[in-house]
Structures are given as C-alpha cells and as structure tokens.
C-alpha cells in the first residue's frame, strides 16, 4: 500500500528502500512494479484497518535461492522481519493513511506490506 512507483524522487526512494531491504538476503532479478488503483481490500492480505478500496503497488521478482528469505516463521519469515518497521515516505499516491510511516509486514491491523510465493 506504500507508493513504490519510479515516477518522482520520493517514490523512487521508497522503491529503492524496499529493493535494498530485499537484497539484504538475496539478489532480486527481473524486477517489475505495477500499480493497481481502487482495489477492494477484502481481496488482499493487508491489515484490518484498511477496509474499502485503496491504491496498491505490486513488486514482483525472481530469485535463484528462495530459501534465503525464510526463517522459523515460514518460507518468507526472514524477508518479512527485515522489511517490518523500515521507514518510508508517505502522502504520495497512497489512498490510505499510513501511520506510522513504515513498512508494516506483521501487525494484523496495520499491515501495509506482504509477500507471497508464486511458481513460474
């Protein structure tokens, strides 16, 4: 739900922050970002505080070694831990109010970032 577009300098900072955090564990390849506007939040795994319809951004990438992102909490538990509470710039193109201005990958009420695995 955080604007990670590559349009303005501030959006690009969010994109770079997320990408560099992902790269702490493994090299993301074939990176693609897309924005989906006015999405029904019931269709996604964001926090309970984000009801209704909101803008969201999707980053997709491949990696050579998926297991580097895991920990005892799951296949992507380490990636979630790394990204959780990382500061971001808000009030860009987000339609939801993000408080505090961080990636939140854990809180069931305020989660604004999540990951999933898709087979190619």
PDB file of N, CA and C in Angstrom:
ATOM      1  N   UNK A   1       0.813  -1.190   0.000  1.00  0.00           N
ATOM      2  CA  UNK A   1       0.000   0.000   0.000  1.00  0.00           C
ATOM      3  C   UNK A   1       0.857   1.256   0.000  1.00  0.00           C
ATOM      4  N   UNK A   2       2.164   1.080   0.113  1.00  0.00           N
ATOM      5  CA  UNK A   2       3.112   2.192   0.058  1.00  0.00           C
ATOM      6  C   UNK A   2       3.475   2.438  -1.400  1.00  0.00           C
ATOM      7  N   UNK A   3       3.496   3.687  -1.802  1.00  0.00           N
ATOM      8  CA  UNK A   3       3.820   4.051  -3.184  1.00  0.00           C
ATOM      9  C   UNK A   3       5.297   3.756  -3.470  1.00  0.00           C
ATOM     10  N   UNK A   4       5.531   2.753  -4.303  1.00  0.00           N
ATOM     11  CA  UNK A   4       6.899   2.394  -4.713  1.00  0.00           C
ATOM     12  C   UNK A   4       7.083   2.611  -6.211  1.00  0.00           C
ATOM     13  N   UNK A   5       6.317   3.557  -6.765  1.00  0.00           N
ATOM     14  CA  UNK A   5       6.471   3.906  -8.175  1.00  0.00           C
ATOM     15  C   UNK A   5       7.877   4.455  -8.410  1.00  0.00           C
ATOM     16  N   UNK A   6       8.211   4.596  -9.649  1.00  0.00           N
ATOM     17  CA  UNK A   6       9.516   5.147 -10.003  1.00  0.00           C
ATOM     18  C   UNK A   6       9.340   6.454 -10.769  1.00  0.00           C
ATOM     19  N   UNK A   7       8.288   7.203 -10.442  1.00  0.00           N
ATOM     20  CA  UNK A   7       7.940   8.420 -11.166  1.00  0.00           C
ATOM     21  C   UNK A   7       8.650   9.646 -10.606  1.00  0.00           C
ATOM     22  N   UNK A   8       8.576   9.845  -9.293  1.00  0.00           N
ATOM     23  CA  UNK A   8       9.206  11.013  -8.668  1.00  0.00           C
ATOM     24  C   UNK A   8      10.362  10.563  -7.777  1.00  0.00           C
ATOM     25  N   UNK A   9      11.158  11.493  -7.351  1.00  0.00           N
ATOM     26  CA  UNK A   9      12.306  11.182  -6.489  1.00  0.00           C
ATOM     27  C   UNK A   9      11.862  10.551  -5.174  1.00  0.00           C
ATOM     28  N   UNK A  10      10.765  11.026  -4.596  1.00  0.00           N
ATOM     29  CA  UNK A  10      10.302  10.470  -3.320  1.00  0.00           C
ATOM     30  C   UNK A  10       9.767   9.053  -3.485  1.00  0.00           C
ATOM     31  N   UNK A  11       9.032   8.814  -4.552  1.00  0.00           N
ATOM     32  CA  UNK A  11       8.544   7.466  -4.831  1.00  0.00           C
ATOM     33  C   UNK A  11       9.722   6.518  -5.076  1.00  0.00           C
ATOM     34  N   UNK A  12      10.701   7.000  -5.795  1.00  0.00           N
ATOM     35  CA  UNK A  12      11.883   6.198  -6.088  1.00  0.00           C
ATOM     36  C   UNK A  12      12.645   5.841  -4.819  1.00  0.00           C
ATOM     37  N   UNK A  13      12.633   6.726  -3.829  1.00  0.00           N
ATOM     38  CA  UNK A  13      13.283   6.410  -2.561  1.00  0.00           C
ATOM     39  C   UNK A  13      12.594   5.231  -1.873  1.00  0.00           C
ATOM     40  N   UNK A  14      11.269   5.191  -1.899  1.00  0.00           N
ATOM     41  CA  UNK A  14      10.550   4.048  -1.331  1.00  0.00           C
ATOM     42  C   UNK A  14      10.875   2.763  -2.083  1.00  0.00           C
ATOM     43  N   UNK A  15      10.901   2.861  -3.404  1.00  0.00           N
ATOM     44  CA  UNK A  15      11.249   1.698  -4.238  1.00  0.00           C
ATOM     45  C   UNK A  15      12.647   1.194  -3.885  1.00  0.00           C
ATOM     46  N   UNK A  16      13.612   2.106  -3.834  1.00  0.00           N
ATOM     47  CA  UNK A  16      14.986   1.712  -3.519  1.00  0.00           C
ATOM     48  C   UNK A  16      15.104   1.139  -2.113  1.00  0.00           C
ATOM     49  N   UNK A  17      14.379   1.713  -1.166  1.00  0.00           N
ATOM     50  CA  UNK A  17      14.404   1.201   0.203  1.00  0.00           C
ATOM     51  C   UNK A  17      13.919  -0.239   0.241  1.00  0.00           C
ATOM     52  N   UNK A  18      12.802  -0.525  -0.416  1.00  0.00           N
ATOM     53  CA  UNK A  18      12.273  -1.886  -0.424  1.00  0.00           C
ATOM     54  C   UNK A  18      13.222  -2.831  -1.146  1.00  0.00           C
ATOM     55  N   UNK A  19      13.711  -2.420  -2.293  1.00  0.00           N
ATOM     56  CA  UNK A  19      14.606  -3.277  -3.072  1.00  0.00           C
ATOM     57  C   UNK A  19      15.902  -3.575  -2.317  1.00  0.00           C
ATOM     58  N   UNK A  20      16.471  -2.589  -1.673  1.00  0.00           N
ATOM     59  CA  UNK A  20      17.703  -2.796  -0.917  1.00  0.00           C
ATOM     60  C   UNK A  20      17.465  -3.682   0.306  1.00  0.00           C
ATOM     61  N   UNK A  21      16.293  -3.569   0.905  1.00  0.00           N
ATOM     62  CA  UNK A  21      15.976  -4.435   2.043  1.00  0.00           C
ATOM     63  C   UNK A  21      15.815  -5.877   1.581  1.00  0.00           C
ATOM     64  N   UNK A  22      15.151  -6.078   0.470  1.00  0.00           N
ATOM     65  CA  UNK A  22      15.032  -7.428  -0.097  1.00  0.00           C
ATOM     66  C   UNK A  22      16.419  -7.991  -0.403  1.00  0.00           C
ATOM     67  N   UNK A  23      17.297  -7.147  -0.927  1.00  0.00           N
ATOM     68  CA  UNK A  23      18.634  -7.579  -1.352  1.00  0.00           C
ATOM     69  C   UNK A  23      19.564  -7.887  -0.176  1.00  0.00           C
ATOM     70  N   UNK A  24      19.140  -7.605   1.047  1.00  0.00           N
ATOM     71  CA  UNK A  24      19.953  -7.999   2.196  1.00  0.00           C
ATOM     72  C   UNK A  24      20.126  -9.511   2.258  1.00  0.00           C
ATOM     73  N   UNK A  25      19.148 -10.249   1.770  1.00  0.00           N
ATOM     74  CA  UNK A  25      19.188 -11.714   1.840  1.00  0.00           C
ATOM     75  C   UNK A  25      19.475 -12.389   0.502  1.00  0.00           C
ATOM     76  N   UNK A  26      19.047 -11.794  -0.575  1.00  0.00           N
ATOM     77  CA  UNK A  26      19.229 -12.427  -1.879  1.00  0.00           C
ATOM     78  C   UNK A  26      19.091 -11.405  -2.985  1.00  0.00           C
ATOM     79  N   UNK A  27      19.537 -11.768  -4.151  1.00  0.00           N
ATOM     80  CA  UNK A  27      19.503 -10.848  -5.286  1.00  0.00           C
ATOM     81  C   UNK A  27      18.186 -10.965  -6.037  1.00  0.00           C
ATOM     82  N   UNK A  28      17.342  -9.931  -5.945  1.00  0.00           N
ATOM     83  CA  UNK A  28      16.115  -9.957  -6.746  1.00  0.00           C
ATOM     84  C   UNK A  28      16.438  -9.686  -8.215  1.00  0.00           C
ATOM     85  N   UNK A  29      15.850 -10.477  -9.097  1.00  0.00           N
ATOM     86  CA  UNK A  29      16.080 -10.362 -10.530  1.00  0.00           C
ATOM     87  C   UNK A  29      14.753 -10.139 -11.243  1.00  0.00           C
ATOM     88  N   UNK A  30      14.803  -9.611 -12.452  1.00  0.00           N
ATOM     89  CA  UNK A  30      13.601  -9.378 -13.274  1.00  0.00           C
ATOM     90  C   UNK A  30      12.534  -8.613 -12.487  1.00  0.00           C
ATOM     91  N   UNK A  31      12.909  -7.511 -11.902  1.00  0.00           N
ATOM     92  CA  UNK A  31      12.040  -6.737 -11.023  1.00  0.00           C
ATOM     93  C   UNK A  31      11.015  -5.960 -11.837  1.00  0.00           C
ATOM     94  N   UNK A  32       9.761  -6.065 -11.421  1.00  0.00           N
ATOM     95  CA  UNK A  32       8.670  -5.336 -12.068  1.00  0.00           C
ATOM     96  C   UNK A  32       7.787  -4.730 -10.985  1.00  0.00           C
ATOM     97  N   UNK A  33       7.357  -3.488 -11.212  1.00  0.00           N
ATOM     98  CA  UNK A  33       6.444  -2.814 -10.296  1.00  0.00           C
ATOM     99  C   UNK A  33       5.216  -2.385 -11.078  1.00  0.00           C
ATOM    100  N   UNK A  34       4.057  -2.629 -10.495  1.00  0.00           N
ATOM    101  CA  UNK A  34       2.810  -2.161 -11.102  1.00  0.00           C
ATOM    102  C   UNK A  34       1.932  -1.557 -10.011  1.00  0.00           C
ATOM    103  N   UNK A  35       1.058  -0.664 -10.435  1.00  0.00           N
ATOM    104  CA  UNK A  35       0.124  -0.021  -9.514  1.00  0.00           C
ATOM    105  C   UNK A  35      -1.290  -0.434  -9.901  1.00  0.00           C
ATOM    106  N   UNK A  36      -2.080  -0.768  -8.909  1.00  0.00           N
ATOM    107  CA  UNK A  36      -3.483  -1.103  -9.140  1.00  0.00           C
ATOM    108  C   UNK A  36      -4.323  -0.142  -8.305  1.00  0.00           C
ATOM    109  N   UNK A  37      -5.131   0.648  -8.948  1.00  0.00           N
ATOM    110  CA  UNK A  37      -5.935   1.640  -8.246  1.00  0.00           C
ATOM    111  C   UNK A  37      -7.288   1.110  -7.830  1.00  0.00           C
ATOM    112  N   UNK A  38      -7.799   1.658  -6.739  1.00  0.00           N
ATOM    113  CA  UNK A  38      -9.159   1.403  -6.279  1.00  0.00           C
ATOM    114  C   UNK A  38      -9.457  -0.087  -6.104  1.00  0.00           C
ATOM    115  N   UNK A  39      -8.567  -0.792  -5.431  1.00  0.00           N
ATOM    116  CA  UNK A  39      -8.721  -2.231  -5.221  1.00  0.00           C
ATOM    117  C   UNK A  39      -9.514  -2.521  -3.955  1.00  0.00           C
ATOM    118  N   UNK A  40     -10.370  -3.537  -4.003  1.00  0.00           N
ATOM    119  CA  UNK A  40     -11.142  -3.961  -2.836  1.00  0.00           C
ATOM    120  C   UNK A  40     -10.198  -4.695  -1.880  1.00  0.00           C
ATOM    121  N   UNK A  41     -10.013  -4.159  -0.706  1.00  0.00           N
ATOM    122  CA  UNK A  41      -9.053  -4.698   0.252  1.00  0.00           C
ATOM    123  C   UNK A  41      -9.436  -6.079   0.763  1.00  0.00           C
ATOM    124  N   UNK A  42     -10.681  -6.487   0.611  1.00  0.00           N
ATOM    125  CA  UNK A  42     -11.086  -7.834   1.016  1.00  0.00           C
ATOM    126  C   UNK A  42     -10.395  -8.903   0.175  1.00  0.00           C
ATOM    127  N   UNK A  43      -9.915  -8.522  -0.991  1.00  0.00           N
ATOM    128  CA  UNK A  43      -9.256  -9.477  -1.885  1.00  0.00           C
ATOM    129  C   UNK A  43      -7.780  -9.672  -1.561  1.00  0.00           C
ATOM    130  N   UNK A  44      -7.277  -8.962  -0.557  1.00  0.00           N
ATOM    131  CA  UNK A  44      -5.841  -8.970  -0.259  1.00  0.00           C
ATOM    132  C   UNK A  44      -5.603  -9.227   1.220  1.00  0.00           C
ATOM    133  N   UNK A  45      -4.348  -9.372   1.589  1.00  0.00           N
ATOM    134  CA  UNK A  45      -3.969  -9.737   2.957  1.00  0.00           C
ATOM    135  C   UNK A  45      -3.402  -8.549   3.731  1.00  0.00           C
ATOM    136  N   UNK A  46      -3.937  -7.358   3.511  1.00  0.00           N
ATOM    137  CA  UNK A  46      -3.493  -6.193   4.258  1.00  0.00           C
ATOM    138  C   UNK A  46      -4.182  -6.176   5.621  1.00  0.00           C
ATOM    139  N   UNK A  47      -3.747  -5.270   6.493  1.00  0.00           N
ATOM    140  CA  UNK A  47      -4.296  -5.187   7.835  1.00  0.00           C
ATOM    141  C   UNK A  47      -5.769  -4.814   7.871  1.00  0.00           C
ATOM    142  N   UNK A  48      -6.400  -5.151   8.987  1.00  0.00           N
ATOM    143  CA  UNK A  48      -7.828  -4.913   9.158  1.00  0.00           C
ATOM    144  C   UNK A  48      -8.208  -3.436   9.119  1.00  0.00           C
ATOM    145  N   UNK A  49      -7.274  -2.550   9.430  1.00  0.00           N
ATOM    146  CA  UNK A  49      -7.567  -1.113   9.396  1.00  0.00           C
ATOM    147  C   UNK A  49      -7.790  -0.586   7.981  1.00  0.00           C
ATOM    148  N   UNK A  50      -7.412  -1.356   6.974  1.00  0.00           N
ATOM    149  CA  UNK A  50      -7.519  -0.906   5.592  1.00  0.00           C
ATOM    150  C   UNK A  50      -8.708  -1.583   4.913  1.00  0.00           C
ATOM    151  N   UNK A  51      -9.883  -1.071   5.202  1.00  0.00           N
ATOM    152  CA  UNK A  51     -11.086  -1.575   4.566  1.00  0.00           C
ATOM    153  C   UNK A  51     -11.414  -0.749   3.334  1.00  0.00           C
ATOM    154  N   UNK A  52     -12.426  -1.158   2.630  1.00  0.00           N
ATOM    155  CA  UNK A  52     -12.865  -0.395   1.462  1.00  0.00           C
ATOM    156  C   UNK A  52     -11.982  -0.631   0.256  1.00  0.00           C
ATOM    157  N   UNK A  53     -11.758   0.432  -0.502  1.00  0.00           N
ATOM    158  CA  UNK A  53     -10.980   0.367  -1.734  1.00  0.00           C
ATOM    159  C   UNK A  53      -9.792   1.308  -1.641  1.00  0.00           C
ATOM    160  N   UNK A  54      -8.619   0.833  -2.051  1.00  0.00           N
ATOM    161  CA  UNK A  54      -7.408   1.644  -1.977  1.00  0.00           C
ATOM    162  C   UNK A  54      -6.476   1.335  -3.146  1.00  0.00           C
ATOM    163  N   UNK A  55      -5.548   2.266  -3.373  1.00  0.00           N
ATOM    164  CA  UNK A  55      -4.464   2.035  -4.320  1.00  0.00           C
ATOM    165  C   UNK A  55      -3.465   1.072  -3.690  1.00  0.00           C
ATOM    166  N   UNK A  56      -2.837   0.276  -4.526  1.00  0.00           N
ATOM    167  CA  UNK A  56      -1.791  -0.623  -4.040  1.00  0.00           C
ATOM    168  C   UNK A  56      -0.749  -0.825  -5.130  1.00  0.00           C
ATOM    169  N   UNK A  57       0.451  -1.191  -4.707  1.00  0.00           N
ATOM    170  CA  UNK A  57       1.554  -1.428  -5.621  1.00  0.00           C
ATOM    171  C   UNK A  57       2.020  -2.859  -5.445  1.00  0.00           C
ATOM    172  N   UNK A  58       2.397  -3.467  -6.552  1.00  0.00           N
ATOM    173  CA  UNK A  58       2.887  -4.846  -6.547  1.00  0.00           C
ATOM    174  C   UNK A  58       4.292  -4.841  -7.110  1.00  0.00           C
ATOM    175  N   UNK A  59       5.213  -5.435  -6.374  1.00  0.00           N
ATOM    176  CA  UNK A  59       6.562  -5.645  -6.890  1.00  0.00           C
ATOM    177  C   UNK A  59       6.732  -7.144  -7.060  1.00  0.00           C
ATOM    178  N   UNK A  60       7.209  -7.542  -8.208  1.00  0.00           N
ATOM    179  CA  UNK A  60       7.476  -8.963  -8.447  1.00  0.00           C
ATOM    180  C   UNK A  60       8.934  -9.111  -8.847  1.00  0.00           C
ATOM    181  N   UNK A  61       9.491 -10.228  -8.442  1.00  0.00           N
ATOM    182  CA  UNK A  61      10.877 -10.517  -8.779  1.00  0.00           C
ATOM    183  C   UNK A  61      11.090 -12.015  -8.681  1.00  0.00           C
ATOM    184  N   UNK A  62      12.158 -12.462  -9.274  1.00  0.00           N
ATOM    185  CA  UNK A  62      12.577 -13.858  -9.128  1.00  0.00           C
ATOM    186  C   UNK A  62      13.884 -13.866  -8.367  1.00  0.00           C
ATOM    187  N   UNK A  63      14.187 -15.002  -7.817  1.00  0.00           N
ATOM    188  CA  UNK A  63      15.433 -15.166  -7.085  1.00  0.00           C
ATOM    189  C   UNK A  63      15.965 -16.566  -7.334  1.00  0.00           C
ATOM    190  N   UNK A  64      17.257 -16.703  -7.263  1.00  0.00           N
ATOM    191  CA  UNK A  64      17.860 -18.010  -7.518  1.00  0.00           C
ATOM    192  C   UNK A  64      17.702 -18.949  -6.332  1.00  0.00           C
ATOM    193  N   UNK A  65      17.659 -18.395  -5.117  1.00  0.00           N
ATOM    194  CA  UNK A  65      17.592 -19.227  -3.920  1.00  0.00           C
ATOM    195  C   UNK A  65      16.504 -18.701  -2.995  1.00  0.00           C
ATOM    196  N   UNK A  66      15.327 -19.257  -3.087  1.00  0.00           N
ATOM    197  CA  UNK A  66      14.193 -18.814  -2.286  1.00  0.00           C
ATOM    198  C   UNK A  66      14.422 -19.022  -0.791  1.00  0.00           C
ATOM    199  N   UNK A  67      15.143 -20.077  -0.434  1.00  0.00           N
ATOM    200  CA  UNK A  67      15.298 -20.412   0.985  1.00  0.00           C
ATOM    201  C   UNK A  67      16.014 -19.340   1.802  1.00  0.00           C
ATOM    202  N   UNK A  68      16.738 -18.418   1.165  1.00  0.00           N
ATOM    203  CA  UNK A  68      17.427 -17.364   1.914  1.00  0.00           C
ATOM    204  C   UNK A  68      16.449 -16.384   2.565  1.00  0.00           C
ATOM    205  N   UNK A  69      15.190 -16.372   2.136  1.00  0.00           N
ATOM    206  CA  UNK A  69      14.195 -15.455   2.677  1.00  0.00           C
ATOM    207  C   UNK A  69      13.427 -16.044   3.860  1.00  0.00           C
ATOM    208  N   UNK A  70      13.682 -17.280   4.198  1.00  0.00           N
ATOM    209  CA  UNK A  70      12.929 -17.945   5.246  1.00  0.00           C
ATOM    210  C   UNK A  70      13.562 -17.840   6.620  1.00  0.00           C
ATOM    211  N   UNK A  71      12.768 -18.188   7.613  1.00  0.00           N
ATOM    212  CA  UNK A  71      13.241 -18.362   8.985  1.00  0.00           C
ATOM    213  C   UNK A  71      12.264 -19.305   9.681  1.00  0.00           C
ATOM    214  N   UNK A  72      12.318 -19.378  10.997  1.00  0.00           N
ATOM    215  CA  UNK A  72      11.455 -20.324  11.718  1.00  0.00           C
ATOM    216  C   UNK A  72       9.971 -19.977  11.607  1.00  0.00           C
ATOM    217  N   UNK A  73       9.649 -18.781  11.118  1.00  0.00           N
ATOM    218  CA  UNK A  73       8.261 -18.358  10.982  1.00  0.00           C
ATOM    219  C   UNK A  73       7.689 -18.628   9.593  1.00  0.00           C
ATOM    220  N   UNK A  74       8.491 -19.167   8.704  1.00  0.00           N
ATOM    221  CA  UNK A  74       7.966 -19.521   7.392  1.00  0.00           C
ATOM    222  C   UNK A  74       8.946 -19.260   6.270  1.00  0.00           C
ATOM    223  N   UNK A  75       8.521 -19.619   5.077  1.00  0.00           N
ATOM    224  CA  UNK A  75       9.380 -19.519   3.896  1.00  0.00           C
ATOM    225  C   UNK A  75       9.775 -18.084   3.574  1.00  0.00           C
ATOM    226  N   UNK A  76       8.973 -17.110   4.008  1.00  0.00           N
ATOM    227  CA  UNK A  76       9.285 -15.697   3.775  1.00  0.00           C
ATOM    228  C   UNK A  76       9.413 -14.923   5.093  1.00  0.00           C
ATOM    229  N   UNK A  77       9.531 -15.644   6.187  1.00  0.00           N
ATOM    230  CA  UNK A  77       9.590 -15.017   7.505  1.00  0.00           C
ATOM    231  C   UNK A  77      10.764 -14.076   7.692  1.00  0.00           C
ATOM    232  N   UNK A  78      11.913 -14.413   7.151  1.00  0.00           N
ATOM    233  CA  UNK A  78      13.076 -13.536   7.264  1.00  0.00           C
ATOM    234  C   UNK A  78      12.893 -12.254   6.471  1.00  0.00           C
ATOM    235  N   UNK A  79      12.306 -12.363   5.295  1.00  0.00           N
ATOM    236  CA  UNK A  79      12.037 -11.189   4.465  1.00  0.00           C
ATOM    237  C   UNK A  79      11.033 -10.267   5.162  1.00  0.00           C
ATOM    238  N   UNK A  80       9.990 -10.848   5.748  1.00  0.00           N
ATOM    239  CA  UNK A  80       9.014 -10.045   6.491  1.00  0.00           C
ATOM    240  C   UNK A  80       9.671  -9.347   7.674  1.00  0.00           C
ATOM    241  N   UNK A  81      10.520 -10.058   8.393  1.00  0.00           N
ATOM    242  CA  UNK A  81      11.217  -9.476   9.543  1.00  0.00           C
ATOM    243  C   UNK A  81      12.117  -8.325   9.103  1.00  0.00           C
ATOM    244  N   UNK A  82      12.845  -8.514   8.017  1.00  0.00           N
ATOM    245  CA  UNK A  82      13.750  -7.466   7.529  1.00  0.00           C
ATOM    246  C   UNK A  82      12.993  -6.198   7.140  1.00  0.00           C
ATOM    247  N   UNK A  83      11.842  -6.356   6.497  1.00  0.00           N
ATOM    248  CA  UNK A  83      11.098  -5.204   5.980  1.00  0.00           C
ATOM    249  C   UNK A  83      10.244  -4.516   7.035  1.00  0.00           C
ATOM    250  N   UNK A  84       9.876  -5.234   8.067  1.00  0.00           N
ATOM    251  CA  UNK A  84       8.970  -4.691   9.089  1.00  0.00           C
ATOM    252  C   UNK A  84       9.605  -3.500   9.812  1.00  0.00           C
ATOM    253  N   UNK A  85       8.871  -2.406   9.857  1.00  0.00           N
ATOM    254  CA  UNK A  85       9.254  -1.171  10.551  1.00  0.00           C
ATOM    255  C   UNK A  85      10.349  -0.367   9.842  1.00  0.00           C
ATOM    256  N   UNK A  86      10.612  -0.649   8.573  1.00  0.00           N
ATOM    257  CA  UNK A  86      11.558   0.154   7.798  1.00  0.00           C
ATOM    258  C   UNK A  86      10.859   1.462   7.417  1.00  0.00           C
ATOM    259  N   UNK A  87      11.460   2.611   7.690  1.00  0.00           N
ATOM    260  CA  UNK A  87      10.820   3.899   7.393  1.00  0.00           C
ATOM    261  C   UNK A  87      10.599   4.113   5.893  1.00  0.00           C
ATOM    262  N   UNK A  88       9.481   4.766   5.577  1.00  0.00           N
ATOM    263  CA  UNK A  88       9.126   5.101   4.202  1.00  0.00           C
ATOM    264  C   UNK A  88       8.616   6.537   4.131  1.00  0.00           C
ATOM    265  N   UNK A  89       8.481   7.020   2.921  1.00  0.00           N
ATOM    266  CA  UNK A  89       7.893   8.333   2.680  1.00  0.00           C
ATOM    267  C   UNK A  89       6.434   8.112   2.290  1.00  0.00           C
ATOM    268  N   UNK A  90       5.529   8.787   2.975  1.00  0.00           N
ATOM    269  CA  UNK A  90       4.104   8.625   2.684  1.00  0.00           C
ATOM    270  C   UNK A  90       3.523   9.933   2.142  1.00  0.00           C
ATOM    271  N   UNK A  91       2.225   9.932   1.980  1.00  0.00           N
ATOM    272  CA  UNK A  91       1.486  11.067   1.407  1.00  0.00           C
ATOM    273  C   UNK A  91       1.903  11.334  -0.041  1.00  0.00           C
ATOM    274  N   UNK A  92       2.117  10.239  -0.772  1.00  0.00           N
ATOM    275  CA  UNK A  92       2.420  10.346  -2.198  1.00  0.00           C
ATOM    276  C   UNK A  92       1.132  10.012  -2.958  1.00  0.00           C
ATOM    277  N   UNK A  93       1.034   8.827  -3.531  1.00  0.00           N
ATOM    278  CA  UNK A  93      -0.189   8.439  -4.242  1.00  0.00           C
ATOM    279  C   UNK A  93      -1.013   7.417  -3.449  1.00  0.00           C
ATOM    280  N   UNK A  94      -0.659   7.184  -2.180  1.00  0.00           N
ATOM    281  CA  UNK A  94      -1.428   6.258  -1.363  1.00  0.00           C
ATOM    282  C   UNK A  94      -2.821   6.832  -1.128  1.00  0.00           C
ATOM    283  N   UNK A  95      -3.807   5.969  -1.152  1.00  0.00           N
ATOM    284  CA  UNK A  95      -5.166   6.410  -0.838  1.00  0.00           C
ATOM    285  C   UNK A  95      -5.510   6.124   0.615  1.00  0.00           C
ATOM    286  N   UNK A  96      -4.713   5.316   1.284  1.00  0.00           N
ATOM    287  CA  UNK A  96      -4.907   5.005   2.704  1.00  0.00           C
ATOM    288  C   UNK A  96      -3.964   5.864   3.538  1.00  0.00           C
ATOM    289  N   UNK A  97      -4.357   6.108   4.762  1.00  0.00           N
ATOM    290  CA  UNK A  97      -3.498   6.823   5.701  1.00  0.00           C
ATOM    291  C   UNK A  97      -2.549   5.810   6.323  1.00  0.00           C
ATOM    292  N   UNK A  98      -1.258   6.044   6.160  1.00  0.00           N
ATOM    293  CA  UNK A  98      -0.231   5.138   6.680  1.00  0.00           C
ATOM    294  C   UNK A  98       0.399   5.802   7.903  1.00  0.00           C
ATOM    295  N   UNK A  99       0.078   5.285   9.086  1.00  0.00           N
ATOM    296  CA  UNK A  99       0.636   5.805  10.345  1.00  0.00           C
ATOM    297  C   UNK A  99       1.072   4.632  11.188  1.00  0.00           C
ATOM    298  N   UNK A 100       2.277   4.565  11.629  1.00  0.00           N
ATOM    299  CA  UNK A 100       3.398   5.442  11.307  1.00  0.00           C
ATOM    300  C   UNK A 100       3.915   5.176   9.896  1.00  0.00           C
ATOM    301  N   UNK A 101       4.805   6.014   9.432  1.00  0.00           N
ATOM    302  CA  UNK A 101       5.332   5.931   8.068  1.00  0.00           C
ATOM    303  C   UNK A 101       6.435   4.870   7.979  1.00  0.00           C
ATOM    304  N   UNK A 102       6.000   3.617   7.989  1.00  0.00           N
ATOM    305  CA  UNK A 102       6.924   2.481   7.911  1.00  0.00           C
ATOM    306  C   UNK A 102       6.276   1.370   7.093  1.00  0.00           C
ATOM    307  N   UNK A 103       7.106   0.477   6.560  1.00  0.00           N
ATOM    308  CA  UNK A 103       6.580  -0.775   6.035  1.00  0.00           C
ATOM    309  C   UNK A 103       6.152  -1.600   7.238  1.00  0.00           C
ATOM    310  N   UNK A 104       4.925  -2.079   7.234  1.00  0.00           N
ATOM    311  CA  UNK A 104       4.414  -2.918   8.317  1.00  0.00           C
ATOM    312  C   UNK A 104       4.057  -4.276   7.723  1.00  0.00           C
ATOM    313  N   UNK A 105       4.848  -5.278   8.053  1.00  0.00           N
ATOM    314  CA  UNK A 105       4.645  -6.612   7.484  1.00  0.00           C
ATOM    315  C   UNK A 105       4.082  -7.607   8.494  1.00  0.00           C
ATOM    316  N   UNK A 106       3.743  -7.139   9.711  1.00  0.00           N
ATOM    317  CA  UNK A 106       3.349  -8.080  10.752  1.00  0.00           C
ATOM    318  C   UNK A 106       2.038  -7.779  11.463  1.00  0.00           C
ATOM    319  N   UNK A 107       1.752  -6.525  11.745  1.00  0.00           N
ATOM    320  CA  UNK A 107       0.605  -6.168  12.571  1.00  0.00           C
ATOM    321  C   UNK A 107      -0.702  -6.493  11.856  1.00  0.00           C
ATOM    322  N   UNK A 108      -1.554  -7.271  12.481  1.00  0.00           N
ATOM    323  CA  UNK A 108      -2.788  -7.697  11.825  1.00  0.00           C
ATOM    324  C   UNK A 108      -3.735  -6.541  11.541  1.00  0.00           C
ATOM    325  N   UNK A 109      -3.578  -5.425  12.231  1.00  0.00           N
ATOM    326  CA  UNK A 109      -4.441  -4.264  11.997  1.00  0.00           C
ATOM    327  C   UNK A 109      -3.851  -3.292  10.983  1.00  0.00           C
ATOM    328  N   UNK A 110      -2.531  -3.108  10.998  1.00  0.00           N
ATOM    329  CA  UNK A 110      -1.916  -2.041  10.195  1.00  0.00           C
ATOM    330  C   UNK A 110      -0.962  -2.551   9.114  1.00  0.00           C
ATOM    331  N   UNK A 111      -1.008  -3.831   8.812  1.00  0.00           N
ATOM    332  CA  UNK A 111      -0.106  -4.391   7.793  1.00  0.00           C
ATOM    333  C   UNK A 111      -0.335  -3.723   6.445  1.00  0.00           C
ATOM    334  N   UNK A 112       0.731  -3.127   5.889  1.00  0.00           N
ATOM    335  CA  UNK A 112       0.629  -2.450   4.592  1.00  0.00           C
ATOM    336  C   UNK A 112       1.560  -3.055   3.551  1.00  0.00           C
ATOM    337  N   UNK A 113       2.169  -4.185   3.905  1.00  0.00           N
ATOM    338  CA  UNK A 113       3.116  -4.869   3.013  1.00  0.00           C
ATOM    339  C   UNK A 113       3.043  -6.359   3.314  1.00  0.00           C
ATOM    340  N   UNK A 114       2.933  -7.168   2.278  1.00  0.00           N
ATOM    341  CA  UNK A 114       3.031  -8.609   2.484  1.00  0.00           C
ATOM    342  C   UNK A 114       3.646  -9.246   1.243  1.00  0.00           C
ATOM    343  N   UNK A 115       4.134 -10.458   1.432  1.00  0.00           N
ATOM    344  CA  UNK A 115       4.806 -11.196   0.366  1.00  0.00           C
ATOM    345  C   UNK A 115       4.121 -12.527   0.171  1.00  0.00           C
ATOM    346  N   UNK A 116       4.189 -13.044  -1.045  1.00  0.00           N
ATOM    347  CA  UNK A 116       3.758 -14.412  -1.299  1.00  0.00           C
ATOM    348  C   UNK A 116       4.646 -15.010  -2.391  1.00  0.00           C
ATOM    349  N   UNK A 117       4.607 -16.311  -2.464  1.00  0.00           N
ATOM    350  CA  UNK A 117       5.430 -17.049  -3.423  1.00  0.00           C
ATOM    351  C   UNK A 117       4.541 -17.509  -4.554  1.00  0.00           C
ATOM    352  N   UNK A 118       4.994 -17.297  -5.772  1.00  0.00           N
ATOM    353  CA  UNK A 118       4.270 -17.775  -6.942  1.00  0.00           C
ATOM    354  C   UNK A 118       5.221 -18.595  -7.800  1.00  0.00           C
ATOM    355  N   UNK A 119       4.739 -19.716  -8.269  1.00  0.00           N
ATOM    356  CA  UNK A 119       5.531 -20.531  -9.184  1.00  0.00           C
ATOM    357  C   UNK A 119       5.516 -19.893 -10.565  1.00  0.00           C
ATOM    358  N   UNK A 120       6.623 -20.071 -11.274  1.00  0.00           N
ATOM    359  CA  UNK A 120       6.709 -19.529 -12.637  1.00  0.00           C
ATOM    360  C   UNK A 120       6.185 -20.525 -13.640  1.00  0.00           C
TER     361      UNK A 120
END
